Amino acid sequence: MNIDDAVAYFDNQPVSDAYTGVFLFNCQPDLFNGTTTDTETGWRRSFSATVVVAPSRGCIEFGSKYYLMGRVIEDFFQGNAVRSSAVVHPSDGLFSLGSAAEVISAAGTRSMHAAYSIRKESKEGSESSQSFNTVSIFVSGTEIVTRDQLLIGPNGVYYRVQNFIPTTGGYKVLVCSELGAASLQSVTYLASGAYDPVADAKGEAAPILTSGVVERYQTNYRYISQANAKYVNGDKVLTVLKSIIIAPNPGESFLIDGATFLIIEAQDDGAECWEIHMRSS
C-alpha cells in the first residue's frame, strides 16, 4: 500500500456544501481536537481529509449536521502535503442579516448559518432593572458584515451588530446587542398638520401606519455634535424608512404598542432610514 492509499483509507464520510448541497470531498470526522483552541467556545468538532475543497460560503454539511468550517491546516510527509485538518463549529441554524431598511421592508436580507454564544449579561440600570445580553455570533470568515446591521435568529430574536472580530480559528465573531423578539413593530406616526392662519393653529394630519425597529437608546445612538439631545431614562430609538416618513419633526409623536412617544430629534442613518430619538410623553 502506498502513502496516498494509506492516508485516505478512513476518509469515508461525504462532505457537502451547506448552501448548495454539492458534494465536496470525503473526510474522517473527529469528536474533538484538543490542540486547536478558540477563545470564544469549547463546543466544536474537527475533521481531516486528504483533499479539502473550500465550500462556497464557508459552511459544510456531513452526517445531516451543518458546520462552520475554520482554517485548514496541512500535514506534510517528506516535504509533500498529504493531509489537511480543520476545526468546525456546529451551526445553530439560519440567521437573516441585513441593513435596517432591508429588515423593515422584508426585502434584501441574506440568510447564513451562524452559531450563538453568550458573551456577557448587562444590567439596564438607567432605564429599568431588566437584564440584556451582549452576545457573540459566529459566522464564516467569508461572510461580509458591517457594523449596525441587524441579525434575526432562527428563534425570531433580533440583534444589532456592534463590532466584528476575526478569530485565530478562521471564523468571524460578531459582537451583538440582543434587542429581543419584538423589535420590529407596527408604529403609527402622528404628524403635525398644516398651519391654519384663520384658526392660528396647526390642523391634524392623517396618521401613518408603518413598521419600524424599536430598541433601547444605548444600543443605537450617535452624538454627531454637542447640540444633540442627551439621553433621559426611558428614551428609545426608532428606525423607520425615509420613503414612508418623509420629514419627522421634534414635537411630533409615534404611537407604539398603546404608548405615545414624542420625537426629540431625527438623524439620517446615512442610507435609507431615519433614526429617531424618542421620549415617553
C-alpha atoms as a PDB file:
ATOM      1  CA  MET A   1       0.000   0.000   0.000  1.00  0.00           C
ATOM      2  CA  ASN A   2       1.457   3.392  -0.944  1.00  0.00           C
ATOM      3  CA  ILE A   3       1.290   6.505   1.225  1.00  0.00           C
ATOM      4  CA  ASP A   4      -1.608   8.053  -0.723  1.00  0.00           C
ATOM      5  CA  ASP A   5      -3.789   4.995  -0.200  1.00  0.00           C
ATOM      6  CA  ALA A   6      -2.830   4.790   3.471  1.00  0.00           C
ATOM      7  CA  VAL A   7      -3.674   8.390   4.378  1.00  0.00           C
ATOM      8  CA  ALA A   8      -7.007   8.223   2.523  1.00  0.00           C
ATOM      9  CA  TYR A   9      -8.108   4.839   3.904  1.00  0.00           C
ATOM     10  CA  PHE A  10     -10.524   6.170   6.554  1.00  0.00           C
ATOM     11  CA  ASP A  11     -11.913   9.073   4.518  1.00  0.00           C
ATOM     12  CA  ASN A  12     -15.400   7.648   4.142  1.00  0.00           C
ATOM     13  CA  GLN A  13     -17.659  10.486   5.361  1.00  0.00           C
ATOM     14  CA  PRO A  14     -19.106  12.535   2.460  1.00  0.00           C
ATOM     15  CA  VAL A  15     -18.957  16.321   2.923  1.00  0.00           C
ATOM     16  CA  SER A  16     -21.273  18.685   1.020  1.00  0.00           C
ATOM     17  CA  ASP A  17     -21.654  22.437   0.649  1.00  0.00           C
ATOM     18  CA  ALA A  18     -24.251  23.539   3.241  1.00  0.00           C
ATOM     19  CA  TYR A  19     -25.920  26.022   0.881  1.00  0.00           C
ATOM     20  CA  THR A  20     -25.821  24.259  -2.490  1.00  0.00           C
ATOM     21  CA  GLY A  21     -25.800  20.595  -1.417  1.00  0.00           C
ATOM     22  CA  VAL A  22     -22.953  19.887  -3.870  1.00  0.00           C
ATOM     23  CA  PHE A  23     -20.571  17.088  -2.825  1.00  0.00           C
ATOM     24  CA  LEU A  24     -17.122  18.452  -1.948  1.00  0.00           C
ATOM     25  CA  PHE A  25     -14.891  15.659  -0.579  1.00  0.00           C
ATOM     26  CA  ASN A  26     -14.686  12.712   1.800  1.00  0.00           C
ATOM     27  CA  CYS A  27     -13.292  13.158   5.290  1.00  0.00           C
ATOM     28  CA  GLN A  28     -12.657  11.477   8.629  1.00  0.00           C
ATOM     29  CA  PRO A  29     -14.542  13.356  11.405  1.00  0.00           C
ATOM     30  CA  ASP A  30     -13.109  13.600  14.912  1.00  0.00           C
ATOM     31  CA  LEU A  31     -15.117  14.349  18.034  1.00  0.00           C
ATOM     32  CA  PHE A  32     -12.739  16.906  19.488  1.00  0.00           C
ATOM     33  CA  ASN A  33      -9.353  18.411  18.729  1.00  0.00           C
ATOM     34  CA  GLY A  34      -7.741  19.496  21.970  1.00  0.00           C
ATOM     35  CA  THR A  35      -4.694  21.016  20.281  1.00  0.00           C
ATOM     36  CA  THR A  36      -6.745  23.639  18.448  1.00  0.00           C
ATOM     37  CA  THR A  37      -8.212  26.359  20.625  1.00  0.00           C
ATOM     38  CA  ASP A  38     -10.732  29.079  20.061  1.00  0.00           C
ATOM     39  CA  THR A  39     -11.076  31.891  22.555  1.00  0.00           C
ATOM     40  CA  GLU A  40     -14.883  32.040  22.478  1.00  0.00           C
ATOM     41  CA  THR A  41     -16.128  28.464  22.671  1.00  0.00           C
ATOM     42  CA  GLY A  42     -15.284  24.880  23.508  1.00  0.00           C
ATOM     43  CA  TRP A  43     -18.108  23.330  21.509  1.00  0.00           C
ATOM     44  CA  ARG A  44     -16.516  22.184  18.295  1.00  0.00           C
ATOM     45  CA  ARG A  45     -15.510  19.242  16.154  1.00  0.00           C
ATOM     46  CA  SER A  46     -12.722  18.675  13.687  1.00  0.00           C
ATOM     47  CA  PHE A  47     -12.101  16.615  10.594  1.00  0.00           C
ATOM     48  CA  SER A  48      -9.177  15.524   8.468  1.00  0.00           C
ATOM     49  CA  ALA A  49      -9.029  14.630   4.796  1.00  0.00           C
ATOM     50  CA  THR A  50      -6.536  14.039   2.003  1.00  0.00           C
ATOM     51  CA  VAL A  51      -8.285  16.648  -0.142  1.00  0.00           C
ATOM     52  CA  VAL A  52     -10.268  19.631   1.168  1.00  0.00           C
ATOM     53  CA  VAL A  53     -12.417  21.643  -1.226  1.00  0.00           C
ATOM     54  CA  ALA A  54     -13.473  25.001   0.190  1.00  0.00           C
ATOM     55  CA  PRO A  55     -17.271  25.466   0.406  1.00  0.00           C
ATOM     56  CA  SER A  56     -18.704  28.489  -1.370  1.00  0.00           C
ATOM     57  CA  ARG A  57     -19.605  30.345   1.837  1.00  0.00           C
ATOM     58  CA  GLY A  58     -17.543  28.580   4.474  1.00  0.00           C
ATOM     59  CA  CYS A  59     -20.185  26.142   5.715  1.00  0.00           C
ATOM     60  CA  ILE A  60     -20.359  22.366   5.213  1.00  0.00           C
ATOM     61  CA  GLU A  61     -22.758  19.507   5.925  1.00  0.00           C
ATOM     62  CA  PHE A  62     -21.975  15.968   6.970  1.00  0.00           C
ATOM     63  CA  GLY A  63     -23.957  13.451   8.959  1.00  0.00           C
ATOM     64  CA  SER A  64     -27.093  15.590   8.466  1.00  0.00           C
ATOM     65  CA  LYS A  65     -25.494  18.390  10.540  1.00  0.00           C
ATOM     66  CA  TYR A  66     -24.243  21.805   9.469  1.00  0.00           C
ATOM     67  CA  TYR A  67     -20.857  23.212  10.478  1.00  0.00           C
ATOM     68  CA  LEU A  68     -18.956  26.459  10.006  1.00  0.00           C
ATOM     69  CA  MET A  69     -15.549  25.487   8.671  1.00  0.00           C
ATOM     70  CA  GLY A  70     -12.488  27.128  10.159  1.00  0.00           C
ATOM     71  CA  ARG A  71      -8.922  27.458   8.930  1.00  0.00           C
ATOM     72  CA  VAL A  72      -7.472  24.465   7.078  1.00  0.00           C
ATOM     73  CA  ILE A  73      -4.061  23.214   8.299  1.00  0.00           C
ATOM     74  CA  GLU A  74      -1.918  20.931   6.151  1.00  0.00           C
ATOM     75  CA  ASP A  75       0.125  17.935   7.335  1.00  0.00           C
ATOM     76  CA  PHE A  76       3.292  17.012   5.438  1.00  0.00           C
ATOM     77  CA  PHE A  77       5.226  13.839   4.709  1.00  0.00           C
ATOM     78  CA  GLN A  78       8.673  14.067   3.128  1.00  0.00           C
ATOM     79  CA  GLY A  79       8.008  17.608   2.007  1.00  0.00           C
ATOM     80  CA  ASN A  80       4.618  16.943   0.446  1.00  0.00           C
ATOM     81  CA  ALA A  81       1.199  17.928   1.815  1.00  0.00           C
ATOM     82  CA  VAL A  82      -0.547  14.583   2.315  1.00  0.00           C
ATOM     83  CA  ARG A  83      -3.432  15.503   4.610  1.00  0.00           C
ATOM     84  CA  SER A  84      -5.356  18.501   5.914  1.00  0.00           C
ATOM     85  CA  SER A  85      -7.411  19.140   9.025  1.00  0.00           C
ATOM     86  CA  ALA A  86      -9.839  21.835  10.096  1.00  0.00           C
ATOM     87  CA  VAL A  87     -11.875  22.776  13.138  1.00  0.00           C
ATOM     88  CA  VAL A  88     -15.606  23.042  12.525  1.00  0.00           C
ATOM     89  CA  HIS A  89     -18.195  24.820  14.675  1.00  0.00           C
ATOM     90  CA  PRO A  90     -21.775  23.473  14.778  1.00  0.00           C
ATOM     91  CA  SER A  91     -24.349  25.845  13.292  1.00  0.00           C
ATOM     92  CA  ASP A  92     -27.372  26.905  15.355  1.00  0.00           C
ATOM     93  CA  GLY A  93     -29.400  27.391  12.188  1.00  0.00           C
ATOM     94  CA  LEU A  94     -30.020  30.031   9.553  1.00  0.00           C
ATOM     95  CA  PHE A  95     -29.840  33.674  10.638  1.00  0.00           C
ATOM     96  CA  SER A  96     -31.057  36.586   8.491  1.00  0.00           C
ATOM     97  CA  LEU A  97     -28.687  39.539   8.048  1.00  0.00           C
ATOM     98  CA  GLY A  98     -29.441  42.926   6.537  1.00  0.00           C
ATOM     99  CA  SER A  99     -29.495  46.662   6.949  1.00  0.00           C
ATOM    100  CA  ALA A 100     -32.279  48.295   8.935  1.00  0.00           C
ATOM    101  CA  ALA A 101     -34.022  49.211   5.669  1.00  0.00           C
ATOM    102  CA  GLU A 102     -33.838  45.632   4.401  1.00  0.00           C
ATOM    103  CA  VAL A 103     -35.225  44.240   7.653  1.00  0.00           C
ATOM    104  CA  ILE A 104     -38.071  46.775   7.831  1.00  0.00           C
ATOM    105  CA  SER A 105     -39.059  46.297   4.192  1.00  0.00           C
ATOM    106  CA  ALA A 106     -38.584  42.494   4.408  1.00  0.00           C
ATOM    107  CA  ALA A 107     -36.543  42.597   1.192  1.00  0.00           C
ATOM    108  CA  GLY A 108     -32.849  42.068   0.562  1.00  0.00           C
ATOM    109  CA  THR A 109     -31.812  40.258   3.747  1.00  0.00           C
ATOM    110  CA  ARG A 110     -29.312  37.399   3.425  1.00  0.00           C
ATOM    111  CA  SER A 111     -29.615  34.004   5.116  1.00  0.00           C
ATOM    112  CA  MET A 112     -26.494  32.455   6.579  1.00  0.00           C
ATOM    113  CA  HIS A 113     -25.513  29.730   9.007  1.00  0.00           C
ATOM    114  CA  ALA A 114     -24.303  31.049  12.347  1.00  0.00           C
ATOM    115  CA  ALA A 115     -23.788  29.991  15.948  1.00  0.00           C
ATOM    116  CA  TYR A 116     -24.777  31.796  19.150  1.00  0.00           C
ATOM    117  CA  SER A 117     -22.593  32.192  22.229  1.00  0.00           C
ATOM    118  CA  ILE A 118     -23.285  34.342  25.291  1.00  0.00           C
ATOM    119  CA  ARG A 119     -20.606  36.987  25.824  1.00  0.00           C
ATOM    120  CA  LYS A 120     -21.857  38.820  28.906  1.00  0.00           C
ATOM    121  CA  GLU A 121     -25.053  39.857  30.642  1.00  0.00           C
ATOM    122  CA  SER A 122     -25.579  43.524  31.375  1.00  0.00           C
ATOM    123  CA  LYS A 123     -27.973  45.285  33.697  1.00  0.00           C
ATOM    124  CA  GLU A 124     -30.047  48.118  32.297  1.00  0.00           C
ATOM    125  CA  GLY A 125     -29.654  50.269  35.374  1.00  0.00           C
ATOM    126  CA  SER A 126     -30.508  53.660  33.897  1.00  0.00           C
ATOM    127  CA  GLU A 127     -33.735  52.591  32.181  1.00  0.00           C
ATOM    128  CA  SER A 128     -35.081  49.545  34.008  1.00  0.00           C
ATOM    129  CA  SER A 129     -33.968  46.649  36.176  1.00  0.00           C
ATOM    130  CA  GLN A 130     -34.068  44.244  33.251  1.00  0.00           C
ATOM    131  CA  SER A 131     -31.015  42.395  32.001  1.00  0.00           C
ATOM    132  CA  PHE A 132     -29.976  42.178  28.377  1.00  0.00           C
ATOM    133  CA  ASN A 133     -27.301  40.179  26.643  1.00  0.00           C
ATOM    134  CA  THR A 134     -24.267  41.085  24.632  1.00  0.00           C
ATOM    135  CA  VAL A 135     -23.632  38.004  22.515  1.00  0.00           C
ATOM    136  CA  SER A 136     -21.042  36.561  20.163  1.00  0.00           C
ATOM    137  CA  ILE A 137     -22.434  35.195  16.918  1.00  0.00           C
ATOM    138  CA  PHE A 138     -20.042  33.037  14.912  1.00  0.00           C
ATOM    139  CA  VAL A 139     -20.208  33.216  11.115  1.00  0.00           C
ATOM    140  CA  SER A 140     -17.890  32.050   8.375  1.00  0.00           C
ATOM    141  CA  GLY A 141     -14.831  34.195   7.796  1.00  0.00           C
ATOM    142  CA  THR A 142     -16.012  34.636   4.206  1.00  0.00           C
ATOM    143  CA  GLU A 143     -19.220  36.477   5.176  1.00  0.00           C
ATOM    144  CA  ILE A 144     -19.277  40.246   4.609  1.00  0.00           C
ATOM    145  CA  VAL A 145     -20.766  42.015   7.630  1.00  0.00           C
ATOM    146  CA  THR A 146     -20.770  45.682   8.629  1.00  0.00           C
ATOM    147  CA  ARG A 147     -21.453  47.470  11.888  1.00  0.00           C
ATOM    148  CA  ASP A 148     -25.066  48.416  12.669  1.00  0.00           C
ATOM    149  CA  GLN A 149     -26.547  45.667  10.508  1.00  0.00           C
ATOM    150  CA  LEU A 150     -29.367  43.648  12.055  1.00  0.00           C
ATOM    151  CA  LEU A 151     -29.472  39.898  12.578  1.00  0.00           C
ATOM    152  CA  ILE A 152     -32.583  37.813  13.140  1.00  0.00           C
ATOM    153  CA  GLY A 153     -32.017  34.417  14.735  1.00  0.00           C
ATOM    154  CA  PRO A 154     -33.923  31.195  13.985  1.00  0.00           C
ATOM    155  CA  ASN A 155     -35.971  31.829  17.137  1.00  0.00           C
ATOM    156  CA  GLY A 156     -37.003  35.313  15.974  1.00  0.00           C
ATOM    157  CA  VAL A 157     -34.699  37.265  18.304  1.00  0.00           C
ATOM    158  CA  TYR A 158     -33.181  40.449  16.854  1.00  0.00           C
ATOM    159  CA  TYR A 159     -29.544  41.508  17.276  1.00  0.00           C
ATOM    160  CA  ARG A 160     -27.645  44.653  16.288  1.00  0.00           C
ATOM    161  CA  VAL A 161     -24.040  44.179  15.132  1.00  0.00           C
ATOM    162  CA  GLN A 162     -21.745  46.418  17.194  1.00  0.00           C
ATOM    163  CA  ASN A 163     -18.391  45.003  16.085  1.00  0.00           C
ATOM    164  CA  PHE A 164     -16.823  42.037  14.296  1.00  0.00           C
ATOM    165  CA  ILE A 165     -13.601  40.242  15.152  1.00  0.00           C
ATOM    166  CA  PRO A 166     -11.659  37.633  13.140  1.00  0.00           C
ATOM    167  CA  THR A 167     -10.571  34.636  15.217  1.00  0.00           C
ATOM    168  CA  THR A 168      -7.421  32.564  15.004  1.00  0.00           C
ATOM    169  CA  GLY A 169      -9.613  29.598  14.057  1.00  0.00           C
ATOM    170  CA  GLY A 170     -10.679  31.282  10.821  1.00  0.00           C
ATOM    171  CA  TYR A 171     -14.163  32.389  11.836  1.00  0.00           C
ATOM    172  CA  LYS A 172     -15.641  35.857  12.204  1.00  0.00           C
ATOM    173  CA  VAL A 173     -17.238  36.729  15.541  1.00  0.00           C
ATOM    174  CA  LEU A 174     -19.980  39.353  15.528  1.00  0.00           C
ATOM    175  CA  VAL A 175     -20.308  41.194  18.833  1.00  0.00           C
ATOM    176  CA  CYS A 176     -24.024  41.994  19.018  1.00  0.00           C
ATOM    177  CA  SER A 177     -26.519  43.630  21.341  1.00  0.00           C
ATOM    178  CA  GLU A 178     -29.568  41.461  21.867  1.00  0.00           C
ATOM    179  CA  LEU A 179     -32.673  43.524  21.077  1.00  0.00           C
ATOM    180  CA  GLY A 180     -35.365  40.939  21.802  1.00  0.00           C
ATOM    181  CA  ALA A 181     -38.086  39.262  19.786  1.00  0.00           C
ATOM    182  CA  ALA A 182     -40.432  42.267  19.487  1.00  0.00           C
ATOM    183  CA  SER A 183     -38.036  44.764  17.956  1.00  0.00           C
ATOM    184  CA  LEU A 184     -39.793  45.078  14.606  1.00  0.00           C
ATOM    185  CA  GLN A 185     -43.147  46.635  15.432  1.00  0.00           C
ATOM    186  CA  SER A 186     -46.095  48.371  13.832  1.00  0.00           C
ATOM    187  CA  VAL A 187     -45.982  52.067  14.719  1.00  0.00           C
ATOM    188  CA  THR A 188     -48.291  54.998  13.977  1.00  0.00           C
ATOM    189  CA  TYR A 189     -46.800  58.361  13.030  1.00  0.00           C
ATOM    190  CA  LEU A 190     -48.797  61.317  14.322  1.00  0.00           C
ATOM    191  CA  ALA A 191     -47.552  64.289  12.298  1.00  0.00           C
ATOM    192  CA  SER A 192     -48.376  67.947  12.693  1.00  0.00           C
ATOM    193  CA  GLY A 193     -50.913  69.232  10.203  1.00  0.00           C
ATOM    194  CA  ALA A 194     -50.677  72.295   8.005  1.00  0.00           C
ATOM    195  CA  TYR A 195     -50.916  75.704   9.659  1.00  0.00           C
ATOM    196  CA  ASP A 196     -54.378  77.282   9.519  1.00  0.00           C
ATOM    197  CA  PRO A 197     -53.975  81.089   9.610  1.00  0.00           C
ATOM    198  CA  VAL A 198     -57.662  81.582  10.365  1.00  0.00           C
ATOM    199  CA  ALA A 199     -57.601  79.408  13.460  1.00  0.00           C
ATOM    200  CA  ASP A 200     -53.969  80.361  14.154  1.00  0.00           C
ATOM    201  CA  ALA A 201     -53.203  76.683  14.798  1.00  0.00           C
ATOM    202  CA  LYS A 202     -51.969  73.574  13.100  1.00  0.00           C
ATOM    203  CA  GLY A 203     -54.524  71.088  11.879  1.00  0.00           C
ATOM    204  CA  GLU A 204     -54.346  67.339  12.323  1.00  0.00           C
ATOM    205  CA  ALA A 205     -52.583  65.266   9.684  1.00  0.00           C
ATOM    206  CA  ALA A 206     -53.764  61.776   8.824  1.00  0.00           C
ATOM    207  CA  PRO A 207     -51.931  59.130  10.916  1.00  0.00           C
ATOM    208  CA  ILE A 208     -49.398  56.995   9.019  1.00  0.00           C
ATOM    209  CA  LEU A 209     -49.186  53.308   9.932  1.00  0.00           C
ATOM    210  CA  THR A 210     -45.788  51.758   9.190  1.00  0.00           C
ATOM    211  CA  SER A 211     -43.157  49.386  10.604  1.00  0.00           C
ATOM    212  CA  GLY A 212     -40.001  50.255  12.495  1.00  0.00           C
ATOM    213  CA  VAL A 213     -37.267  48.831  14.681  1.00  0.00           C
ATOM    214  CA  VAL A 214     -37.681  49.875  18.321  1.00  0.00           C
ATOM    215  CA  GLU A 215     -34.727  49.459  20.662  1.00  0.00           C
ATOM    216  CA  ARG A 216     -33.233  50.795  23.852  1.00  0.00           C
ATOM    217  CA  TYR A 217     -31.330  54.039  23.402  1.00  0.00           C
ATOM    218  CA  GLN A 218     -27.976  52.561  24.413  1.00  0.00           C
ATOM    219  CA  THR A 219     -27.786  50.085  21.515  1.00  0.00           C
ATOM    220  CA  ASN A 220     -28.139  52.636  18.703  1.00  0.00           C
ATOM    221  CA  TYR A 221     -27.293  56.237  19.385  1.00  0.00           C
ATOM    222  CA  ARG A 222     -24.842  58.716  17.876  1.00  0.00           C
ATOM    223  CA  TYR A 223     -23.867  62.139  19.196  1.00  0.00           C
ATOM    224  CA  ILE A 224     -22.965  63.920  15.978  1.00  0.00           C
ATOM    225  CA  SER A 225     -22.484  67.270  17.710  1.00  0.00           C
ATOM    226  CA  GLN A 226     -22.687  68.806  21.162  1.00  0.00           C
ATOM    227  CA  ALA A 227     -26.108  70.143  20.237  1.00  0.00           C
ATOM    228  CA  ASN A 228     -27.625  66.668  20.106  1.00  0.00           C
ATOM    229  CA  ALA A 229     -30.196  65.980  22.790  1.00  0.00           C
ATOM    230  CA  LYS A 230     -28.841  63.851  25.606  1.00  0.00           C
ATOM    231  CA  TYR A 231     -30.337  60.666  26.994  1.00  0.00           C
ATOM    232  CA  VAL A 232     -33.057  60.616  29.641  1.00  0.00           C
ATOM    233  CA  ASN A 233     -34.280  57.496  31.436  1.00  0.00           C
ATOM    234  CA  GLY A 234     -36.718  55.559  29.283  1.00  0.00           C
ATOM    235  CA  ASP A 235     -35.654  57.005  25.932  1.00  0.00           C
ATOM    236  CA  LYS A 236     -35.908  54.790  22.834  1.00  0.00           C
ATOM    237  CA  VAL A 237     -34.604  54.841  19.292  1.00  0.00           C
ATOM    238  CA  LEU A 238     -36.996  54.109  16.439  1.00  0.00           C
ATOM    239  CA  THR A 239     -35.659  53.324  12.961  1.00  0.00           C
ATOM    240  CA  VAL A 240     -38.110  53.892  10.093  1.00  0.00           C
ATOM    241  CA  LEU A 241     -37.892  54.162   6.308  1.00  0.00           C
ATOM    242  CA  LYS A 242     -37.383  57.662   4.905  1.00  0.00           C
ATOM    243  CA  SER A 243     -39.578  56.729   1.964  1.00  0.00           C
ATOM    244  CA  ILE A 244     -42.557  56.361   4.357  1.00  0.00           C
ATOM    245  CA  ILE A 245     -41.822  59.004   6.995  1.00  0.00           C
ATOM    246  CA  ILE A 246     -40.621  61.920   4.916  1.00  0.00           C
ATOM    247  CA  ALA A 247     -39.692  64.571   7.491  1.00  0.00           C
ATOM    248  CA  PRO A 248     -40.189  63.720  11.182  1.00  0.00           C
ATOM    249  CA  ASN A 249     -40.041  66.830  13.328  1.00  0.00           C
ATOM    250  CA  PRO A 250     -39.396  67.360  17.048  1.00  0.00           C
ATOM    251  CA  GLY A 251     -42.640  67.595  18.952  1.00  0.00           C
ATOM    252  CA  GLU A 252     -44.474  65.171  16.694  1.00  0.00           C
ATOM    253  CA  SER A 253     -45.080  61.701  18.035  1.00  0.00           C
ATOM    254  CA  PHE A 254     -45.375  57.980  17.418  1.00  0.00           C
ATOM    255  CA  LEU A 255     -47.906  55.613  18.914  1.00  0.00           C
ATOM    256  CA  ILE A 256     -46.156  52.343  19.797  1.00  0.00           C
ATOM    257  CA  ASP A 257     -47.920  49.452  21.482  1.00  0.00           C
ATOM    258  CA  GLY A 258     -50.502  51.786  23.018  1.00  0.00           C
ATOM    259  CA  ALA A 259     -47.971  54.307  24.353  1.00  0.00           C
ATOM    260  CA  THR A 260     -47.164  57.740  22.920  1.00  0.00           C
ATOM    261  CA  PHE A 261     -43.532  58.756  22.336  1.00  0.00           C
ATOM    262  CA  LEU A 262     -42.517  62.291  21.413  1.00  0.00           C
ATOM    263  CA  ILE A 263     -39.833  62.892  18.787  1.00  0.00           C
ATOM    264  CA  ILE A 264     -36.790  64.551  20.345  1.00  0.00           C
ATOM    265  CA  GLU A 265     -34.719  64.566  17.150  1.00  0.00           C
ATOM    266  CA  ALA A 266     -34.243  62.570  13.964  1.00  0.00           C
ATOM    267  CA  GLN A 267     -30.913  61.630  12.418  1.00  0.00           C
ATOM    268  CA  ASP A 268     -30.190  60.287   8.950  1.00  0.00           C
ATOM    269  CA  ASP A 269     -28.601  56.822   9.182  1.00  0.00           C
ATOM    270  CA  GLY A 270     -26.615  57.558   6.028  1.00  0.00           C
ATOM    271  CA  ALA A 271     -28.743  55.210   3.948  1.00  0.00           C
ATOM    272  CA  GLU A 272     -32.498  54.751   3.707  1.00  0.00           C
ATOM    273  CA  CYS A 273     -33.722  55.283   7.266  1.00  0.00           C
ATOM    274  CA  TRP A 274     -34.301  57.817   9.996  1.00  0.00           C
ATOM    275  CA  GLU A 275     -33.019  57.005  13.476  1.00  0.00           C
ATOM    276  CA  ILE A 276     -35.433  58.818  15.748  1.00  0.00           C
ATOM    277  CA  HIS A 277     -34.667  59.657  19.372  1.00  0.00           C
ATOM    278  CA  MET A 278     -37.969  59.307  21.261  1.00  0.00           C
ATOM    279  CA  ARG A 279     -39.192  60.012  24.778  1.00  0.00           C
ATOM    280  CA  SER A 280     -42.320  58.759  26.512  1.00  0.00           C
ATOM    281  CA  SER A 281     -44.899  61.518  26.821  1.00  0.00           C
END
